[in-house]
Protein backbone atom coordinates (compact mmCIF):
# COMPACT_ATOMS: atom_id res chain seq x y z
CA MET A 1 -14.20 -5.30 15.92
CA PHE A 2 -15.70 -2.15 14.42
CA GLY A 3 -12.15 -0.70 14.66
CA ALA A 4 -10.50 -3.52 12.80
CA ASP A 5 -12.90 -3.12 10.03
CA LEU A 6 -12.45 0.63 9.65
CA ILE A 7 -8.74 0.30 9.86
CA GLY A 8 -8.74 -2.72 6.73
CA ALA A 9 -11.30 -0.62 4.74
CA ALA A 10 -9.25 2.26 4.74
CA GLY A 11 -5.94 -0.01 3.76
CA VAL A 12 -7.59 -1.94 0.88
CA ALA A 13 -9.25 1.47 -0.20
CA LEU A 14 -5.49 2.91 -0.77
CA LEU A 15 -4.64 -0.38 -2.46
CA LEU A 16 -7.45 -0.44 -5.00
CA GLY A 17 -7.25 3.26 -5.25
CA ALA A 18 -3.77 2.90 -6.20
CA PHE A 19 -4.25 0.19 -8.46
CA ALA A 20 -7.09 1.76 -10.40
CA ALA A 21 -5.12 4.90 -10.82
CA ASN A 22 -2.05 2.81 -12.00
CA LEU A 23 -4.27 1.25 -14.77
CA LEU A 24 -5.92 4.40 -15.72
CA GLY A 25 -2.94 5.99 -16.29
CA MET A 26 -3.81 8.85 -13.47
CA VAL A 27 -0.48 7.40 -11.92
CA GLU A 28 3.13 6.12 -12.31
CA LYS A 29 3.97 2.55 -11.13
CA GLU A 30 7.39 4.69 -11.11
CA SER A 31 6.02 7.90 -9.28
CA LEU A 32 6.60 8.13 -5.41
CA ALA A 33 2.73 8.22 -4.90
CA TYR A 34 1.98 4.59 -6.18
CA PRO A 35 4.44 2.78 -3.75
CA SER A 36 3.75 5.21 -0.96
CA ALA A 37 0.11 4.38 -1.21
CA ASN A 38 0.94 0.67 -1.41
CA PHE A 39 2.98 1.06 1.59
CA VAL A 40 0.01 2.44 3.54
CA GLY A 41 -2.76 0.73 2.45
CA ALA A 42 -0.86 -2.40 2.80
CA SER A 43 0.33 -1.31 6.76
CA LEU A 44 -3.17 -0.70 7.58
CA ALA A 45 -4.55 -3.76 6.13
CA THR A 46 -1.85 -5.67 7.98
CA TYR A 47 -2.67 -4.05 11.44
CA ALA A 48 -6.35 -4.94 10.54
CA SER A 49 -5.52 -8.31 9.93
CA TRP A 50 -3.58 -9.00 13.19
CA LEU A 51 -6.20 -7.08 14.94
CA ILE A 52 -8.46 -10.11 14.40
CA ALA A 53 -5.52 -12.54 14.37
CA TYR A 54 -6.35 -13.64 10.57
CA MET A 55 -2.02 -14.77 10.03
CA PRO A 56 -2.42 -15.76 6.40
CA PHE A 57 -3.69 -11.87 5.60
CA VAL A 58 -1.09 -10.63 8.13
CA ILE A 59 1.71 -12.15 5.89
CA LEU A 60 0.07 -11.47 2.86
CA GLU A 61 -0.44 -7.64 3.42
CA GLY A 62 3.05 -7.49 5.64
CA VAL A 63 4.92 -8.73 2.63
CA TRP A 64 3.31 -6.36 0.60
CA ALA A 65 4.12 -3.60 2.80
CA CYS A 66 7.45 -4.75 3.24
CA VAL A 67 8.11 -4.63 -0.82
CA SER A 68 5.91 -1.46 -1.20
CA LEU A 69 8.34 0.03 1.31
CA VAL A 70 11.35 -1.24 -0.63
CA ALA A 71 10.04 0.78 -3.72
CA VAL A 72 9.21 4.06 -2.13
CA LEU A 73 12.94 3.83 -0.84
CA ARG A 74 14.51 3.32 -4.54
CA SER A 75 11.85 6.15 -5.65
CA VAL A 76 13.24 8.56 -3.13
CA GLY A 77 16.61 8.11 -4.45
CA ARG A 78 15.63 7.93 -7.95
CA PRO A 79 16.64 11.20 -9.84
CA ARG A 80 13.55 13.38 -11.18
CA HIS A 81 13.20 14.07 -14.63
CA ALA A 82 12.05 17.30 -15.54
CA PRO A 83 8.55 17.49 -17.32
C-alpha cells in the first residue's frame, strides 16, 4: 500500500498547492496552470483511491478530474491577453 500512499500524497499535494496558490493570488483560476494542476492532482488521487478500492473517493476525485479536464480544454481554446 506504500505505492498508493505515495501516489495519493502527490495528487493531494498538487490539489492543495493549486488551491493555496489561487487563494494567495499566485495563480489565476482562468490560467492553464490552475486547472492543469487540478486535473493531474485529481487523476493521481483517483488512481490511488482505486488501488485501495475506496470507491467514494474514486467517484469524488474522478469527477474532480473530469471537471478539471473540461476547464483545461476551455483554457487551451481561450485567446490570451497581452500583459
